[in-house]
Amino acid sequence: MFRKSDFFIILAVMISFFISAYLWFVVQDREQAIFTAIWIPSIFCFGIYFKLAALLGRNR
């Protein structure tokens, strides 16, 4: 069900989330924290795109 690439996508999302939380709560740099938090949906979208491309390519 999960491939190695899926775990890398989830790992990238978790790293982005923790960096964003660190910037928000520890460094108190709100703008950088929001900018880093915007990466999370983008990473998920890339992951979904590559997953669908692999599934559709496998069915042909």
Protein backbone atom coordinates (compact mmCIF):
# COMPACT_ATOMS: atom_id res chain seq x y z
CA MET A 1 0.00 0.00 0.00
CA PHE A 2 2.67 2.51 1.01
CA ARG A 3 5.82 2.75 -1.03
CA LYS A 4 9.14 4.19 0.00
CA SER A 5 8.37 7.39 -1.93
CA ASP A 6 5.17 7.88 0.11
CA PHE A 7 7.19 7.86 3.31
CA PHE A 8 9.56 10.47 1.88
CA ILE A 9 6.62 12.74 1.06
CA ILE A 10 5.23 12.36 4.59
CA LEU A 11 8.69 12.95 6.04
CA ALA A 12 9.06 16.16 4.00
CA VAL A 13 5.66 17.36 5.24
CA MET A 14 6.56 16.60 8.86
CA ILE A 15 9.90 18.39 8.55
CA SER A 16 8.18 21.43 7.04
CA PHE A 17 5.60 21.43 9.81
CA PHE A 18 8.19 21.21 12.59
CA ILE A 19 10.33 23.93 11.04
CA SER A 20 7.27 26.14 10.75
CA ALA A 21 6.29 25.50 14.38
CA TYR A 22 9.87 26.18 15.50
CA LEU A 23 9.92 29.47 13.62
CA TRP A 24 6.51 30.47 15.00
CA PHE A 25 6.97 29.58 18.68
CA VAL A 26 10.72 29.66 19.34
CA VAL A 27 12.19 32.19 16.94
CA GLN A 28 9.01 34.35 16.89
CA ASP A 29 9.47 34.99 13.17
CA ARG A 30 5.83 34.89 12.06
CA GLU A 31 6.36 35.68 8.38
CA GLN A 32 8.94 32.93 7.86
CA ALA A 33 6.74 30.48 9.78
CA ILE A 34 3.73 31.20 7.57
CA PHE A 35 5.88 30.96 4.44
CA THR A 36 7.21 27.58 5.55
CA ALA A 37 3.71 26.37 6.47
CA ILE A 38 2.57 27.12 2.92
CA TRP A 39 4.95 24.40 1.71
CA ILE A 40 2.88 21.66 3.39
CA PRO A 41 -0.06 21.61 0.95
CA SER A 42 2.34 22.04 -1.96
CA ILE A 43 4.34 18.99 -0.92
CA PHE A 44 1.12 16.99 -0.54
CA CYS A 45 -0.01 18.08 -4.01
CA PHE A 46 3.27 16.99 -5.57
CA GLY A 47 2.99 13.67 -3.76
CA ILE A 48 -0.56 13.12 -5.00
CA TYR A 49 0.43 14.05 -8.53
CA PHE A 50 3.35 11.62 -8.62
CA LYS A 51 1.25 8.88 -7.01
CA LEU A 52 -1.51 9.31 -9.63
CA ALA A 53 1.02 9.45 -12.45
CA ALA A 54 2.56 6.19 -11.26
CA LEU A 55 -0.84 4.51 -10.91
CA LEU A 56 -2.03 5.65 -14.32
CA GLY A 57 1.26 4.67 -15.94
CA ARG A 58 1.03 1.20 -14.43
CA ASN A 59 -2.45 0.60 -15.87
CA ARG A 60 -1.47 1.20 -19.50
